[in-house]
PDB file of N, CA and C in Angstrom:
ATOM      1  N   MET A   1     307.139 190.174 -25.388  1.00  0.00           N
ATOM      2  CA  MET A   1     306.972 189.096 -26.828  1.00  0.00           C
ATOM      3  C   MET A   1     308.498 189.024 -27.648  1.00  0.00           C
ATOM      4  N   LYS A   2     308.453 188.034 -27.582  1.00  0.00           N
ATOM      5  CA  LYS A   2     309.599 187.684 -28.376  1.00  0.00           C
ATOM      6  C   LYS A   2     309.667 186.643 -29.448  1.00  0.00           C
ATOM      7  N   ARG A   3     310.266 186.869 -30.827  1.00  0.00           N
ATOM      8  CA  ARG A   3     310.530 185.563 -31.812  1.00  0.00           C
ATOM      9  C   ARG A   3     311.828 185.219 -31.725  1.00  0.00           C
ATOM     10  N   TYR A   4     312.210 183.899 -32.242  1.00  0.00           N
ATOM     11  CA  TYR A   4     313.019 182.960 -32.247  1.00  0.00           C
ATOM     12  C   TYR A   4     313.393 182.404 -33.182  1.00  0.00           C
ATOM     13  N   HIS A   5     314.493 182.361 -34.162  1.00  0.00           N
ATOM     14  CA  HIS A   5     314.602 180.982 -34.966  1.00  0.00           C
ATOM     15  C   HIS A   5     315.735 180.211 -34.139  1.00  0.00           C
ATOM     16  N   MET A   6     315.328 178.917 -34.325  1.00  0.00           N
ATOM     17  CA  MET A   6     315.925 178.015 -33.767  1.00  0.00           C
ATOM     18  C   MET A   6     316.138 176.718 -35.241  1.00  0.00           C
ATOM     19  N   ILE A   7     317.454 176.555 -34.874  1.00  0.00           N
ATOM     20  CA  ILE A   7     318.113 175.171 -35.657  1.00  0.00           C
ATOM     21  C   ILE A   7     318.142 173.709 -34.606  1.00  0.00           C
ATOM     22  N   VAL A   8     317.411 172.899 -34.862  1.00  0.00           N
ATOM     23  CA  VAL A   8     317.636 171.750 -33.952  1.00  0.00           C
ATOM     24  C   VAL A   8     318.117 170.916 -34.392  1.00  0.00           C
ATOM     25  N   SER A   9     319.257 169.812 -34.011  1.00  0.00           N
ATOM     26  CA  SER A   9     320.012 168.698 -34.424  1.00  0.00           C
ATOM     27  C   SER A   9     319.894 167.700 -33.161  1.00  0.00           C
ATOM     28  N   GLY A  10     320.162 166.450 -34.167  1.00  0.00           N
ATOM     29  CA  GLY A  10     319.748 164.981 -33.298  1.00  0.00           C
ATOM     30  C   GLY A  10     318.705 164.170 -33.862  1.00  0.00           C
ATOM     31  N   ARG A  11     318.420 163.400 -32.838  1.00  0.00           N
ATOM     32  CA  ARG A  11     317.547 162.318 -33.712  1.00  0.00           C
ATOM     33  C   ARG A  11     316.298 163.175 -33.811  1.00  0.00           C
ATOM     34  N   VAL A  12     316.194 164.040 -34.897  1.00  0.00           N
ATOM     35  CA  VAL A  12     314.732 165.194 -34.887  1.00  0.00           C
ATOM     36  C   VAL A  12     313.959 164.530 -35.679  1.00  0.00           C
ATOM     37  N   GLN A  13     314.186 163.798 -36.900  1.00  0.00           N
ATOM     38  CA  GLN A  13     313.440 163.549 -37.657  1.00  0.00           C
ATOM     39  C   GLN A  13     313.255 162.033 -37.577  1.00  0.00           C
ATOM     40  N   GLY A  14     311.972 161.758 -38.400  1.00  0.00           N
ATOM     41  CA  GLY A  14     311.433 160.563 -38.514  1.00  0.00           C
ATOM     42  C   GLY A  14     311.124 160.001 -37.252  1.00  0.00           C
ATOM     43  N   VAL A  15     310.683 160.743 -36.148  1.00  0.00           N
ATOM     44  CA  VAL A  15     310.416 160.146 -34.613  1.00  0.00           C
ATOM     45  C   VAL A  15     309.394 161.206 -34.078  1.00  0.00           C
ATOM     46  N   GLY A  16     308.647 162.010 -34.958  1.00  0.00           N
ATOM     47  CA  GLY A  16     307.326 162.630 -34.452  1.00  0.00           C
ATOM     48  C   GLY A  16     307.579 164.025 -34.204  1.00  0.00           C
ATOM     49  N   PHE A  17     308.728 164.503 -33.914  1.00  0.00           N
ATOM     50  CA  PHE A  17     309.639 165.585 -33.484  1.00  0.00           C
ATOM     51  C   PHE A  17     308.606 166.731 -34.043  1.00  0.00           C
ATOM     52  N   ARG A  18     308.449 166.796 -35.228  1.00  0.00           N
ATOM     53  CA  ARG A  18     307.606 168.388 -35.450  1.00  0.00           C
ATOM     54  C   ARG A  18     305.960 168.483 -34.847  1.00  0.00           C
ATOM     55  N   TYR A  19     305.863 167.031 -34.570  1.00  0.00           N
ATOM     56  CA  TYR A  19     304.322 167.276 -34.093  1.00  0.00           C
ATOM     57  C   TYR A  19     304.117 167.522 -32.258  1.00  0.00           C
ATOM     58  N   PHE A  20     305.484 166.977 -32.015  1.00  0.00           N
ATOM     59  CA  PHE A  20     305.728 167.236 -30.517  1.00  0.00           C
ATOM     60  C   PHE A  20     305.993 168.567 -30.539  1.00  0.00           C
ATOM     61  N   CYS A  21     306.702 169.023 -31.253  1.00  0.00           N
ATOM     62  CA  CYS A  21     306.911 170.878 -31.259  1.00  0.00           C
ATOM     63  C   CYS A  21     305.798 171.590 -31.529  1.00  0.00           C
ATOM     64  N   VAL A  22     304.563 170.997 -32.269  1.00  0.00           N
ATOM     65  CA  VAL A  22     303.366 171.588 -32.713  1.00  0.00           C
ATOM     66  C   VAL A  22     302.636 171.407 -31.371  1.00  0.00           C
ATOM     67  N   MET A  23     302.336 170.428 -30.925  1.00  0.00           N
ATOM     68  CA  MET A  23     301.598 170.289 -29.869  1.00  0.00           C
ATOM     69  C   MET A  23     301.837 171.053 -28.613  1.00  0.00           C
ATOM     70  N   ASN A  24     302.747 170.716 -28.067  1.00  0.00           N
ATOM     71  CA  ASN A  24     303.576 171.891 -26.850  1.00  0.00           C
ATOM     72  C   ASN A  24     303.307 173.047 -27.365  1.00  0.00           C
ATOM     73  N   ALA A  25     303.944 173.794 -28.380  1.00  0.00           N
ATOM     74  CA  ALA A  25     303.359 175.250 -28.748  1.00  0.00           C
ATOM     75  C   ALA A  25     302.077 175.339 -28.875  1.00  0.00           C
ATOM     76  N   GLN A  26     301.280 174.974 -29.198  1.00  0.00           N
ATOM     77  CA  GLN A  26     300.009 175.280 -29.210  1.00  0.00           C
ATOM     78  C   GLN A  26     299.436 175.073 -27.439  1.00  0.00           C
ATOM     79  N   GLN A  27     299.658 174.610 -26.998  1.00  0.00           N
ATOM     80  CA  GLN A  27     299.436 173.872 -25.245  1.00  0.00           C
ATOM     81  C   GLN A  27     299.736 175.300 -24.909  1.00  0.00           C
ATOM     82  N   LEU A  28     301.001 175.714 -25.205  1.00  0.00           N
ATOM     83  CA  LEU A  28     301.371 176.788 -24.387  1.00  0.00           C
ATOM     84  C   LEU A  28     300.792 178.281 -25.123  1.00  0.00           C
ATOM     85  N   GLY A  29     300.445 177.904 -26.222  1.00  0.00           N
ATOM     86  CA  GLY A  29     299.674 179.211 -26.482  1.00  0.00           C
ATOM     87  C   GLY A  29     300.776 180.226 -27.395  1.00  0.00           C
ATOM     88  N   LEU A  30     301.997 179.439 -28.090  1.00  0.00           N
ATOM     89  CA  LEU A  30     303.018 180.357 -28.622  1.00  0.00           C
ATOM     90  C   LEU A  30     302.527 180.155 -30.321  1.00  0.00           C
ATOM     91  N   SER A  31     303.133 180.655 -31.069  1.00  0.00           N
ATOM     92  CA  SER A  31     302.842 181.068 -32.533  1.00  0.00           C
ATOM     93  C   SER A  31     304.193 180.695 -33.072  1.00  0.00           C
ATOM     94  N   GLY A  32     304.304 180.224 -34.321  1.00  0.00           N
ATOM     95  CA  GLY A  32     305.342 180.318 -35.328  1.00  0.00           C
ATOM     96  C   GLY A  32     305.371 178.817 -36.212  1.00  0.00           C
ATOM     97  N   SER A  33     306.142 178.013 -36.435  1.00  0.00           N
ATOM     98  CA  SER A  33     306.196 177.159 -37.437  1.00  0.00           C
ATOM     99  C   SER A  33     307.315 176.220 -37.380  1.00  0.00           C
ATOM    100  N   VAL A  34     307.344 175.066 -37.498  1.00  0.00           N
ATOM    101  CA  VAL A  34     308.250 173.836 -37.795  1.00  0.00           C
ATOM    102  C   VAL A  34     308.268 173.023 -38.890  1.00  0.00           C
ATOM    103  N   ARG A  35     309.679 172.738 -39.581  1.00  0.00           N
ATOM    104  CA  ARG A  35     309.766 172.339 -40.741  1.00  0.00           C
ATOM    105  C   ARG A  35     311.265 171.351 -40.519  1.00  0.00           C
ATOM    106  N   ASN A  36     311.012 170.173 -41.140  1.00  0.00           N
ATOM    107  CA  ASN A  36     312.186 169.202 -41.386  1.00  0.00           C
ATOM    108  C   ASN A  36     313.335 170.192 -42.483  1.00  0.00           C
ATOM    109  N   MET A  37     314.523 169.939 -42.487  1.00  0.00           N
ATOM    110  CA  MET A  37     315.315 170.413 -43.136  1.00  0.00           C
ATOM    111  C   MET A  37     316.212 169.365 -44.101  1.00  0.00           C
ATOM    112  N   GLU A  38     316.774 169.727 -45.143  1.00  0.00           N
ATOM    113  CA  GLU A  38     317.184 168.027 -46.224  1.00  0.00           C
ATOM    114  C   GLU A  38     318.317 167.852 -45.265  1.00  0.00           C
ATOM    115  N   ASN A  39     319.062 168.521 -44.493  1.00  0.00           N
ATOM    116  CA  ASN A  39     320.381 168.108 -43.662  1.00  0.00           C
ATOM    117  C   ASN A  39     320.247 167.428 -42.559  1.00  0.00           C
ATOM    118  N   GLY A  40     318.787 166.808 -42.077  1.00  0.00           N
ATOM    119  CA  GLY A  40     318.767 166.072 -41.182  1.00  0.00           C
ATOM    120  C   GLY A  40     317.869 166.933 -39.921  1.00  0.00           C
ATOM    121  N   MET A  41     318.232 168.458 -39.759  1.00  0.00           N
ATOM    122  CA  MET A  41     318.046 168.996 -38.480  1.00  0.00           C
ATOM    123  C   MET A  41     316.597 169.466 -39.045  1.00  0.00           C
ATOM    124  N   VAL A  42     316.183 170.121 -37.955  1.00  0.00           N
ATOM    125  CA  VAL A  42     314.361 170.680 -38.000  1.00  0.00           C
ATOM    126  C   VAL A  42     314.865 172.253 -37.789  1.00  0.00           C
ATOM    127  N   GLU A  43     313.724 173.123 -38.308  1.00  0.00           N
ATOM    128  CA  GLU A  43     313.841 174.691 -38.525  1.00  0.00           C
ATOM    129  C   GLU A  43     312.456 175.061 -37.474  1.00  0.00           C
ATOM    130  N   ILE A  44     312.896 175.734 -36.491  1.00  0.00           N
ATOM    131  CA  ILE A  44     311.842 176.239 -35.676  1.00  0.00           C
ATOM    132  C   ILE A  44     311.445 177.653 -35.705  1.00  0.00           C
ATOM    133  N   PHE A  45     310.327 178.569 -36.290  1.00  0.00           N
ATOM    134  CA  PHE A  45     310.257 180.092 -35.423  1.00  0.00           C
ATOM    135  C   PHE A  45     309.432 179.685 -34.565  1.00  0.00           C
ATOM    136  N   VAL A  46     309.624 180.640 -33.439  1.00  0.00           N
ATOM    137  CA  VAL A  46     308.484 180.357 -32.231  1.00  0.00           C
ATOM    138  C   VAL A  46     308.287 181.932 -31.983  1.00  0.00           C
ATOM    139  N   GLN A  47     307.712 182.168 -31.647  1.00  0.00           N
ATOM    140  CA  GLN A  47     306.815 183.252 -31.070  1.00  0.00           C
ATOM    141  C   GLN A  47     305.697 183.474 -29.824  1.00  0.00           C
ATOM    142  N   GLY A  48     306.267 184.428 -28.879  1.00  0.00           N
ATOM    143  CA  GLY A  48     305.154 184.242 -27.867  1.00  0.00           C
ATOM    144  C   GLY A  48     306.008 185.233 -26.264  1.00  0.00           C
ATOM    145  N   ASP A  49     305.786 185.042 -25.255  1.00  0.00           N
ATOM    146  CA  ASP A  49     306.250 185.590 -24.044  1.00  0.00           C
ATOM    147  C   ASP A  49     307.588 184.761 -23.540  1.00  0.00           C
ATOM    148  N   GLU A  50     308.616 185.527 -23.298  1.00  0.00           N
ATOM    149  CA  GLU A  50     310.118 184.934 -23.354  1.00  0.00           C
ATOM    150  C   GLU A  50     310.025 183.557 -22.542  1.00  0.00           C
ATOM    151  N   ALA A  51     309.192 183.798 -21.464  1.00  0.00           N
ATOM    152  CA  ALA A  51     309.175 182.849 -20.082  1.00  0.00           C
ATOM    153  C   ALA A  51     308.500 181.690 -20.874  1.00  0.00           C
ATOM    154  N   THR A  52     307.715 181.716 -21.454  1.00  0.00           N
ATOM    155  CA  THR A  52     307.095 180.343 -22.278  1.00  0.00           C
ATOM    156  C   THR A  52     307.723 179.913 -23.192  1.00  0.00           C
ATOM    157  N   ILE A  53     308.539 180.777 -24.101  1.00  0.00           N
ATOM    158  CA  ILE A  53     309.304 179.987 -25.350  1.00  0.00           C
ATOM    159  C   ILE A  53     310.544 179.187 -24.463  1.00  0.00           C
ATOM    160  N   ASP A  54     310.912 179.779 -23.101  1.00  0.00           N
ATOM    161  CA  ASP A  54     311.574 179.312 -22.310  1.00  0.00           C
ATOM    162  C   ASP A  54     311.567 177.646 -21.565  1.00  0.00           C
ATOM    163  N   GLN A  55     310.386 177.721 -21.563  1.00  0.00           N
ATOM    164  CA  GLN A  55     309.484 176.489 -21.466  1.00  0.00           C
ATOM    165  C   GLN A  55     309.465 175.501 -22.318  1.00  0.00           C
ATOM    166  N   PHE A  56     309.177 175.874 -23.367  1.00  0.00           N
ATOM    167  CA  PHE A  56     309.170 175.620 -24.572  1.00  0.00           C
ATOM    168  C   PHE A  56     310.155 174.489 -25.210  1.00  0.00           C
ATOM    169  N   ILE A  57     311.703 175.614 -24.836  1.00  0.00           N
ATOM    170  CA  ILE A  57     312.216 174.956 -25.339  1.00  0.00           C
ATOM    171  C   ILE A  57     313.184 174.007 -24.610  1.00  0.00           C
ATOM    172  N   ALA A  58     312.643 174.165 -23.263  1.00  0.00           N
ATOM    173  CA  ALA A  58     313.067 172.968 -22.396  1.00  0.00           C
ATOM    174  C   ALA A  58     312.682 171.846 -22.809  1.00  0.00           C
ATOM    175  N   ILE A  59     311.127 171.758 -22.968  1.00  0.00           N
ATOM    176  CA  ILE A  59     310.305 170.708 -23.318  1.00  0.00           C
ATOM    177  C   ILE A  59     310.999 169.755 -24.288  1.00  0.00           C
ATOM    178  N   ILE A  60     311.255 170.776 -25.602  1.00  0.00           N
ATOM    179  CA  ILE A  60     311.605 170.117 -26.720  1.00  0.00           C
ATOM    180  C   ILE A  60     312.987 169.532 -26.458  1.00  0.00           C
ATOM    181  N   LYS A  61     313.848 170.119 -25.486  1.00  0.00           N
ATOM    182  CA  LYS A  61     315.172 169.766 -25.125  1.00  0.00           C
ATOM    183  C   LYS A  61     315.117 168.115 -24.727  1.00  0.00           C
ATOM    184  N   ALA A  62     314.076 168.181 -23.584  1.00  0.00           N
ATOM    185  CA  ALA A  62     314.135 167.157 -23.095  1.00  0.00           C
ATOM    186  C   ALA A  62     313.496 165.556 -23.859  1.00  0.00           C
ATOM    187  N   GLY A  63     312.889 165.955 -24.734  1.00  0.00           N
ATOM    188  CA  GLY A  63     312.164 165.005 -25.801  1.00  0.00           C
ATOM    189  C   GLY A  63     311.260 164.048 -25.139  1.00  0.00           C
ATOM    190  N   ASN A  64     311.576 162.826 -25.855  1.00  0.00           N
ATOM    191  CA  ASN A  64     310.402 161.454 -25.356  1.00  0.00           C
ATOM    192  C   ASN A  64     311.830 160.574 -25.427  1.00  0.00           C
ATOM    193  N   MET A  65     310.857 159.324 -25.289  1.00  0.00           N
ATOM    194  CA  MET A  65     311.978 158.270 -25.518  1.00  0.00           C
ATOM    195  C   MET A  65     312.298 157.887 -26.990  1.00  0.00           C
ATOM    196  N   PHE A  66     311.971 158.739 -28.155  1.00  0.00           N
ATOM    197  CA  PHE A  66     312.446 158.592 -29.389  1.00  0.00           C
ATOM    198  C   PHE A  66     313.029 159.795 -30.292  1.00  0.00           C
ATOM    199  N   ILE A  67     312.745 161.053 -29.476  1.00  0.00           N
ATOM    200  CA  ILE A  67     313.418 162.299 -29.671  1.00  0.00           C
ATOM    201  C   ILE A  67     314.575 162.468 -28.711  1.00  0.00           C
ATOM    202  N   LYS A  68     315.527 162.945 -29.028  1.00  0.00           N
ATOM    203  CA  LYS A  68     316.902 163.387 -28.842  1.00  0.00           C
ATOM    204  C   LYS A  68     317.649 164.397 -29.736  1.00  0.00           C
ATOM    205  N   VAL A  69     316.860 165.453 -28.816  1.00  0.00           N
ATOM    206  CA  VAL A  69     317.822 167.073 -29.155  1.00  0.00           C
ATOM    207  C   VAL A  69     319.462 166.814 -28.709  1.00  0.00           C
ATOM    208  N   GLU A  70     320.244 167.218 -29.487  1.00  0.00           N
ATOM    209  CA  GLU A  70     321.796 167.039 -29.254  1.00  0.00           C
ATOM    210  C   GLU A  70     322.147 168.438 -29.229  1.00  0.00           C
ATOM    211  N   ASP A  71     322.114 169.352 -30.228  1.00  0.00           N
ATOM    212  CA  ASP A  71     322.070 170.510 -29.831  1.00  0.00           C
ATOM    213  C   ASP A  71     321.086 171.659 -30.954  1.00  0.00           C
ATOM    214  N   TYR A  72     321.144 172.775 -30.374  1.00  0.00           N
ATOM    215  CA  TYR A  72     320.286 173.822 -31.329  1.00  0.00           C
ATOM    216  C   TYR A  72     320.830 175.059 -30.890  1.00  0.00           C
ATOM    217  N   THR A  73     320.494 176.260 -32.289  1.00  0.00           N
ATOM    218  CA  THR A  73     320.854 177.589 -32.134  1.00  0.00           C
ATOM    219  C   THR A  73     319.618 178.136 -31.856  1.00  0.00           C
ATOM    220  N   LEU A  74     319.802 179.082 -31.642  1.00  0.00           N
ATOM    221  CA  LEU A  74     318.761 179.990 -31.135  1.00  0.00           C
ATOM    222  C   LEU A  74     319.193 181.917 -31.613  1.00  0.00           C
ATOM    223  N   LYS A  75     318.392 182.388 -32.502  1.00  0.00           N
ATOM    224  CA  LYS A  75     318.628 183.145 -33.020  1.00  0.00           C
ATOM    225  C   LYS A  75     317.552 184.567 -32.909  1.00  0.00           C
ATOM    226  N   ALA A  76     317.454 185.370 -32.847  1.00  0.00           N
ATOM    227  CA  ALA A  76     316.669 186.745 -32.097  1.00  0.00           C
ATOM    228  C   ALA A  76     315.865 186.964 -33.547  1.00  0.00           C
ATOM    229  N   LEU A  77     314.710 187.410 -33.775  1.00  0.00           N
ATOM    230  CA  LEU A  77     314.160 187.773 -34.379  1.00  0.00           C
ATOM    231  C   LEU A  77     312.889 189.204 -34.519  1.00  0.00           C
ATOM    232  N   PRO A  78     313.016 189.925 -35.657  1.00  0.00           N
ATOM    233  CA  PRO A  78     311.747 190.719 -35.143  1.00  0.00           C
ATOM    234  C   PRO A  78     310.411 190.399 -34.682  1.00  0.00           C
ATOM    235  N   ILE A  79     309.526 190.579 -34.042  1.00  0.00           N
ATOM    236  CA  ILE A  79     308.262 190.016 -34.024  1.00  0.00           C
ATOM    237  C   ILE A  79     307.378 190.080 -35.424  1.00  0.00           C
ATOM    238  N   ASP A  80     306.318 188.936 -35.332  1.00  0.00           N
ATOM    239  CA  ASP A  80     305.615 188.899 -36.738  1.00  0.00           C
ATOM    240  C   ASP A  80     304.140 189.040 -36.456  1.00  0.00           C
ATOM    241  N   PRO A  81     303.992 190.409 -36.429  1.00  0.00           N
ATOM    242  CA  PRO A  81     302.568 190.408 -35.653  1.00  0.00           C
ATOM    243  C   PRO A  81     301.302 189.962 -36.558  1.00  0.00           C
ATOM    244  N   SER A  82     301.432 189.138 -37.939  1.00  0.00           N
ATOM    245  CA  SER A  82     300.428 188.469 -38.680  1.00  0.00           C
ATOM    246  C   SER A  82     300.356 186.910 -38.208  1.00  0.00           C
ATOM    247  N   GLU A  83     301.529 186.672 -37.387  1.00  0.00           N
ATOM    248  CA  GLU A  83     301.556 185.234 -36.732  1.00  0.00           C
ATOM    249  C   GLU A  83     300.500 185.164 -35.906  1.00  0.00           C
ATOM    250  N   LYS A  84     299.600 184.218 -35.907  1.00  0.00           N
ATOM    251  CA  LYS A  84     298.663 183.717 -34.787  1.00  0.00           C
ATOM    252  C   LYS A  84     298.416 182.430 -34.091  1.00  0.00           C
ATOM    253  N   LYS A  85     299.379 181.156 -35.346  1.00  0.00           N
ATOM    254  CA  LYS A  85     298.992 179.894 -34.633  1.00  0.00           C
ATOM    255  C   LYS A  85     299.897 179.254 -34.757  1.00  0.00           C
ATOM    256  N   PHE A  86     300.718 178.418 -33.997  1.00  0.00           N
ATOM    257  CA  PHE A  86     301.976 177.289 -34.484  1.00  0.00           C
ATOM    258  C   PHE A  86     301.635 176.138 -35.472  1.00  0.00           C
ATOM    259  N   GLN A  87     302.022 176.055 -36.559  1.00  0.00           N
ATOM    260  CA  GLN A  87     302.056 174.913 -37.397  1.00  0.00           C
ATOM    261  C   GLN A  87     303.073 174.296 -38.248  1.00  0.00           C
ATOM    262  N   TYR A  88     302.529 173.587 -38.900  1.00  0.00           N
ATOM    263  CA  TYR A  88     303.893 172.712 -39.417  1.00  0.00           C
ATOM    264  C   TYR A  88     303.881 173.234 -41.177  1.00  0.00           C
ATOM    265  N   ASN A  89     305.267 173.607 -41.571  1.00  0.00           N
ATOM    266  CA  ASN A  89     305.680 173.821 -42.941  1.00  0.00           C
ATOM    267  C   ASN A  89     306.189 172.737 -43.402  1.00  0.00           C
ATOM    268  N   TYR A  90     306.070 172.915 -45.025  1.00  0.00           N
ATOM    269  CA  TYR A  90     306.977 172.009 -45.759  1.00  0.00           C
ATOM    270  C   TYR A  90     307.841 172.319 -46.775  1.00  0.00           C
TER     271      TYR A  90
END
């Protein structure tokens, strides 16, 4: 079990990126949250099996016809045992 903090930049606001993250994370059984930042980037906390997190990252990097991830940072964090689902944060 791993937990990461991600900051994602690119065309990630106003294109359904948060919904895309929630939908894919829930399908993969990951927990965490996603929120828009004032600087145009998106912040993601994601927790789960490392291989599944790698799969999630690959999916969001690939994006879709509207989403274009240009860069991201990834920082390991301690596990949050109280976190049970993946959701939007505002």
